[in-house]
C-alpha atoms as a PDB file:
ATOM      1  CA  MET A   1     297.608  21.933 -66.962  1.00  0.00           C
ATOM      2  CA  LYS A   2     295.316  22.730 -64.043  1.00  0.00           C
ATOM      3  CA  ILE A   3     291.543  22.515 -64.333  1.00  0.00           C
ATOM      4  CA  ILE A   4     289.131  23.783 -61.717  1.00  0.00           C
ATOM      5  CA  VAL A   5     285.710  22.122 -61.882  1.00  0.00           C
ATOM      6  CA  GLY A   6     282.759  24.042 -60.476  1.00  0.00           C
ATOM      7  CA  SER A   7     281.504  21.105 -58.420  1.00  0.00           C
ATOM      8  CA  GLN A   8     282.649  18.480 -55.975  1.00  0.00           C
ATOM      9  CA  ASN A   9     280.242  15.893 -57.376  1.00  0.00           C
ATOM     10  CA  PRO A  10     282.260  12.700 -58.056  1.00  0.00           C
ATOM     11  CA  ALA A  11     280.438  11.973 -61.347  1.00  0.00           C
ATOM     12  CA  LYS A  12     281.444  15.383 -62.696  1.00  0.00           C
ATOM     13  CA  LEU A  13     285.021  15.283 -61.384  1.00  0.00           C
ATOM     14  CA  ASN A  14     285.584  11.774 -62.728  1.00  0.00           C
ATOM     15  CA  ALA A  15     284.288  12.833 -66.151  1.00  0.00           C
ATOM     16  CA  VAL A  16     286.867  15.622 -66.320  1.00  0.00           C
ATOM     17  CA  LYS A  17     289.618  13.297 -65.066  1.00  0.00           C
ATOM     18  CA  ALA A  18     288.737  10.740 -67.757  1.00  0.00           C
ATOM     19  CA  VAL A  19     289.047  13.302 -70.555  1.00  0.00           C
ATOM     20  CA  PHE A  20     292.061  15.179 -69.138  1.00  0.00           C
ATOM     21  CA  PRO A  21     294.063  12.350 -67.505  1.00  0.00           C
ATOM     22  CA  LYS A  22     297.344  14.313 -67.352  1.00  0.00           C
ATOM     23  CA  ALA A  23     295.805  17.471 -65.852  1.00  0.00           C
ATOM     24  CA  THR A  24     295.598  18.381 -62.195  1.00  0.00           C
ATOM     25  CA  ILE A  25     291.874  18.480 -61.404  1.00  0.00           C
ATOM     26  CA  GLU A  26     290.321  20.260 -58.439  1.00  0.00           C
ATOM     27  CA  GLY A  27     286.637  20.587 -57.615  1.00  0.00           C
ATOM     28  CA  ILE A  28     285.239  23.619 -55.836  1.00  0.00           C
ATOM     29  CA  GLU A  29     281.746  24.697 -54.865  1.00  0.00           C
ATOM     30  CA  VAL A  30     280.540  27.720 -56.823  1.00  0.00           C
ATOM     31  CA  ASP A  31     277.362  29.751 -57.124  1.00  0.00           C
ATOM     32  CA  THR A  32     275.589  28.733 -60.326  1.00  0.00           C
ATOM     33  CA  ARG A  33     273.157  31.672 -60.116  1.00  0.00           C
ATOM     34  CA  VAL A  34     270.391  29.400 -61.408  1.00  0.00           C
ATOM     35  CA  SER A  35     267.791  27.408 -59.500  1.00  0.00           C
ATOM     36  CA  SER A  36     268.900  24.228 -57.756  1.00  0.00           C
ATOM     37  CA  GLN A  37     266.758  22.363 -60.290  1.00  0.00           C
ATOM     38  CA  PRO A  38     267.291  23.977 -63.702  1.00  0.00           C
ATOM     39  CA  PHE A  39     264.063  23.653 -65.688  1.00  0.00           C
ATOM     40  CA  SER A  40     265.051  24.392 -69.296  1.00  0.00           C
ATOM     41  CA  ASP A  41     267.939  23.972 -71.696  1.00  0.00           C
ATOM     42  CA  GLU A  42     268.650  27.685 -71.341  1.00  0.00           C
ATOM     43  CA  GLU A  43     268.789  27.637 -67.549  1.00  0.00           C
ATOM     44  CA  THR A  44     270.873  24.440 -67.494  1.00  0.00           C
ATOM     45  CA  LEU A  45     273.355  25.904 -70.001  1.00  0.00           C
ATOM     46  CA  GLU A  46     273.501  29.135 -68.006  1.00  0.00           C
ATOM     47  CA  GLY A  47     274.332  27.128 -64.882  1.00  0.00           C
ATOM     48  CA  ALA A  48     277.161  25.303 -66.679  1.00  0.00           C
ATOM     49  CA  ILE A  49     278.623  28.562 -68.015  1.00  0.00           C
ATOM     50  CA  ASN A  50     278.381  30.222 -64.601  1.00  0.00           C
ATOM     51  CA  ARG A  51     280.125  27.239 -62.984  1.00  0.00           C
ATOM     52  CA  ALA A  52     282.971  27.442 -65.525  1.00  0.00           C
ATOM     53  CA  LYS A  53     283.340  31.229 -65.231  1.00  0.00           C
ATOM     54  CA  GLU A  54     283.441  31.068 -61.427  1.00  0.00           C
ATOM     55  CA  SER A  55     285.935  28.189 -61.545  1.00  0.00           C
ATOM     56  CA  VAL A  56     288.389  29.934 -63.851  1.00  0.00           C
ATOM     57  CA  LYS A  57     288.533  32.850 -61.374  1.00  0.00           C
ATOM     58  CA  ALA A  58     289.678  30.534 -58.562  1.00  0.00           C
ATOM     59  CA  GLU A  59     293.286  30.204 -59.734  1.00  0.00           C
ATOM     60  CA  LYS A  60     295.325  32.203 -62.220  1.00  0.00           C
ATOM     61  CA  GLY A  61     296.422  30.089 -65.179  1.00  0.00           C
ATOM     62  CA  ALA A  62     293.813  27.368 -64.641  1.00  0.00           C
ATOM     63  CA  MET A  63     290.934  26.490 -66.939  1.00  0.00           C
ATOM     64  CA  GLY A  64     287.415  26.253 -65.574  1.00  0.00           C
ATOM     65  CA  ILE A  65     284.849  23.598 -66.362  1.00  0.00           C
ATOM     66  CA  GLY A  66     281.188  23.671 -65.406  1.00  0.00           C
ATOM     67  CA  LEU A  67     278.804  20.750 -65.800  1.00  0.00           C
ATOM     68  CA  GLU A  68     275.091  21.084 -65.123  1.00  0.00           C
ATOM     69  CA  GLY A  69     272.218  18.645 -65.228  1.00  0.00           C
ATOM     70  CA  GLY A  70     268.629  19.767 -65.614  1.00  0.00           C
ATOM     71  CA  VAL A  71     265.298  19.032 -67.184  1.00  0.00           C
ATOM     72  CA  MET A  72     263.466  20.527 -70.131  1.00  0.00           C
ATOM     73  CA  GLU A  73     259.860  20.422 -71.208  1.00  0.00           C
ATOM     74  CA  PHE A  74     258.532  19.277 -74.564  1.00  0.00           C
ATOM     75  CA  GLU A  75     254.914  18.817 -75.638  1.00  0.00           C
ATOM     76  CA  ASP A  76     255.056  15.129 -74.734  1.00  0.00           C
ATOM     77  CA  GLY A  77     256.723  15.455 -71.325  1.00  0.00           C
ATOM     78  CA  ILE A  78     259.827  16.365 -69.395  1.00  0.00           C
ATOM     79  CA  TYR A  79     263.256  15.303 -70.581  1.00  0.00           C
ATOM     80  CA  LEU A  80     266.567  15.015 -68.824  1.00  0.00           C
ATOM     81  CA  CYS A  81     269.193  17.406 -70.210  1.00  0.00           C
ATOM     82  CA  ASN A  82     272.808  18.263 -69.452  1.00  0.00           C
ATOM     83  CA  TRP A  83     275.242  20.951 -70.489  1.00  0.00           C
ATOM     84  CA  GLY A  84     278.884  21.742 -70.043  1.00  0.00           C
ATOM     85  CA  SER A  85     281.141  24.742 -70.432  1.00  0.00           C
ATOM     86  CA  LEU A  86     284.897  25.221 -70.545  1.00  0.00           C
ATOM     87  CA  VAL A  87     286.465  28.643 -70.020  1.00  0.00           C
ATOM     88  CA  ASP A  88     290.139  28.877 -70.899  1.00  0.00           C
ATOM     89  CA  THR A  89     292.736  31.220 -69.439  1.00  0.00           C
ATOM     90  CA  TYR A  90     291.989  33.799 -72.171  1.00  0.00           C
ATOM     91  CA  GLY A  91     288.281  33.906 -71.336  1.00  0.00           C
ATOM     92  CA  ASN A  92     287.120  31.911 -74.367  1.00  0.00           C
ATOM     93  CA  VAL A  93     283.864  30.122 -73.549  1.00  0.00           C
ATOM     94  CA  PHE A  94     283.076  26.731 -75.067  1.00  0.00           C
ATOM     95  CA  THR A  95     279.742  24.949 -74.596  1.00  0.00           C
ATOM     96  CA  ALA A  96     278.326  21.518 -75.359  1.00  0.00           C
ATOM     97  CA  GLY A  97     275.154  19.597 -74.595  1.00  0.00           C
ATOM     98  CA  GLY A  98     274.485  15.924 -74.198  1.00  0.00           C
ATOM     99  CA  ALA A  99     271.887  13.200 -74.051  1.00  0.00           C
ATOM    100  CA  ARG A 100     268.154  13.709 -73.732  1.00  0.00           C
ATOM    101  CA  ILE A 101     265.696  11.081 -72.517  1.00  0.00           C
ATOM    102  CA  PRO A 102     262.092  11.392 -71.356  1.00  0.00           C
ATOM    103  CA  LEU A 103     261.359  11.037 -67.655  1.00  0.00           C
ATOM    104  CA  PRO A 104     258.427   9.034 -66.267  1.00  0.00           C
ATOM    105  CA  GLU A 105     255.176  10.801 -65.391  1.00  0.00           C
ATOM    106  CA  GLU A 106     255.662  10.380 -61.630  1.00  0.00           C
ATOM    107  CA  ILE A 107     259.051  12.111 -61.848  1.00  0.00           C
ATOM    108  CA  LYS A 108     257.483  14.891 -63.937  1.00  0.00           C
ATOM    109  CA  GLN A 109     254.799  15.405 -61.304  1.00  0.00           C
ATOM    110  CA  GLY A 110     257.404  15.704 -58.544  1.00  0.00           C
ATOM    111  CA  LEU A 111     259.427  18.205 -60.573  1.00  0.00           C
ATOM    112  CA  GLU A 112     256.307  20.276 -61.195  1.00  0.00           C
ATOM    113  CA  LYS A 113     255.789  20.395 -57.422  1.00  0.00           C
ATOM    114  CA  GLY A 114     259.239  21.951 -57.032  1.00  0.00           C
ATOM    115  CA  LYS A 115     261.250  18.903 -55.983  1.00  0.00           C
ATOM    116  CA  GLU A 116     264.796  18.366 -57.268  1.00  0.00           C
ATOM    117  CA  LEU A 117     265.462  15.474 -59.629  1.00  0.00           C
ATOM    118  CA  GLY A 118     268.187  14.039 -57.370  1.00  0.00           C
ATOM    119  CA  ASP A 119     265.801  13.861 -54.412  1.00  0.00           C
ATOM    120  CA  LEU A 120     263.074  12.353 -56.576  1.00  0.00           C
ATOM    121  CA  MET A 121     265.492   9.723 -57.875  1.00  0.00           C
ATOM    122  CA  ASP A 122     266.481   8.746 -54.330  1.00  0.00           C
ATOM    123  CA  GLU A 123     262.782   8.293 -53.496  1.00  0.00           C
ATOM    124  CA  TYR A 124     262.055   6.479 -56.765  1.00  0.00           C
ATOM    125  CA  THR A 125     264.923   3.987 -56.372  1.00  0.00           C
ATOM    126  CA  GLN A 126     264.858   3.731 -52.571  1.00  0.00           C
ATOM    127  CA  LYS A 127     268.616   4.493 -52.653  1.00  0.00           C
ATOM    128  CA  GLN A 128     270.712   7.440 -51.512  1.00  0.00           C
ATOM    129  CA  GLY A 129     273.013   9.648 -53.575  1.00  0.00           C
ATOM    130  CA  ILE A 130     271.848   8.703 -57.078  1.00  0.00           C
ATOM    131  CA  ARG A 131     273.016  12.136 -58.337  1.00  0.00           C
ATOM    132  CA  LYS A 132     276.585  11.314 -57.281  1.00  0.00           C
ATOM    133  CA  LYS A 133     276.514   7.863 -58.839  1.00  0.00           C
ATOM    134  CA  GLU A 134     274.656   6.620 -61.913  1.00  0.00           C
ATOM    135  CA  GLY A 135     272.156   9.492 -62.006  1.00  0.00           C
ATOM    136  CA  ALA A 136     268.683   9.435 -63.491  1.00  0.00           C
ATOM    137  CA  ILE A 137     270.175   8.579 -66.880  1.00  0.00           C
ATOM    138  CA  GLY A 138     271.739   5.425 -65.427  1.00  0.00           C
ATOM    139  CA  ILE A 139     268.478   4.326 -63.847  1.00  0.00           C
ATOM    140  CA  PHE A 140     266.301   5.021 -66.885  1.00  0.00           C
ATOM    141  CA  THR A 141     268.748   3.498 -69.409  1.00  0.00           C
ATOM    142  CA  ASN A 142     269.154   0.316 -67.353  1.00  0.00           C
ATOM    143  CA  GLN A 143     272.797   1.256 -66.660  1.00  0.00           C
ATOM    144  CA  GLN A 144     273.623   1.517 -70.371  1.00  0.00           C
ATOM    145  CA  VAL A 145     274.664   5.158 -69.848  1.00  0.00           C
ATOM    146  CA  SER A 146     275.751   6.490 -66.468  1.00  0.00           C
ATOM    147  CA  ARG A 147     275.781  10.107 -65.339  1.00  0.00           C
ATOM    148  CA  GLY A 148     279.561   9.963 -65.472  1.00  0.00           C
ATOM    149  CA  ALA A 149     279.542   8.644 -69.040  1.00  0.00           C
ATOM    150  CA  MET A 150     277.027  11.304 -70.069  1.00  0.00           C
ATOM    151  CA  PHE A 151     279.214  14.070 -68.633  1.00  0.00           C
ATOM    152  CA  THR A 152     282.378  12.462 -70.055  1.00  0.00           C
ATOM    153  CA  HIS A 153     280.831  12.778 -73.515  1.00  0.00           C
ATOM    154  CA  VAL A 154     280.117  16.472 -72.903  1.00  0.00           C
ATOM    155  CA  VAL A 155     283.672  17.075 -71.621  1.00  0.00           C
ATOM    156  CA  ARG A 156     285.074  15.364 -74.742  1.00  0.00           C
ATOM    157  CA  LEU A 157     283.043  17.783 -76.863  1.00  0.00           C
ATOM    158  CA  LEU A 158     284.429  20.704 -74.848  1.00  0.00           C
ATOM    159  CA  ARG A 159     288.027  19.484 -75.082  1.00  0.00           C
ATOM    160  CA  GLY A 160     287.714  18.963 -78.829  1.00  0.00           C
ATOM    161  CA  GLN A 161     286.457  22.516 -79.372  1.00  0.00           C
ATOM    162  CA  TYR A 162     289.220  23.916 -77.156  1.00  0.00           C
ATOM    163  CA  GLU A 163     291.916  21.941 -78.979  1.00  0.00           C
ATOM    164  CA  PHE A 164     290.533  22.976 -82.365  1.00  0.00           C
ATOM    165  CA  LEU A 165     290.699  26.663 -81.409  1.00  0.00           C
ATOM    166  CA  THR A 166     294.207  26.226 -79.976  1.00  0.00           C
ATOM    167  CA  LYS A 167     295.352  24.509 -83.181  1.00  0.00           C
ATOM    168  CA  GLN A 168     293.856  27.333 -85.288  1.00  0.00           C
ATOM    169  CA  THR A 169     295.532  30.085 -83.276  1.00  0.00           C
ATOM    170  CA  ASP A 170     298.893  28.300 -82.947  1.00  0.00           C
ATOM    171  CA  GLY A 171     299.083  27.199 -86.569  1.00  0.00           C
END
């Protein structure tokens, strides 16, 4: 089985590799057709679906997976959100969402000024490349949940839906 992931981000690629250990995994850059900082569940989900749809076009017979992180607003603040999509070789689209945690006020203010969460996290932690490592979720959960673990959970949800459909159509 070959899976094309619509990203070259190590956290996303490693999540897919963890859930599909026997598959050949390749990451490619794709156009998500959403803003670089998705600002709602809807926009984040749309980005994940677009990543998966673009990925599946890259190679005949391969599945596509798209994973997207974003933020969403509630009355009490801004929350981290993440979505994933799997598109199989028949064009079936599967989607799944993951963890939500509130972000601190200073992060919210930066987002409202148009900054990307990854850049804000680098400033906040005085480190580089947080988005490719533990992510905001890792920082704000005291390393209890990493970005990779969060996306691994979403990919497990996608794989389970795909396998359920396959079992229904084969059986």
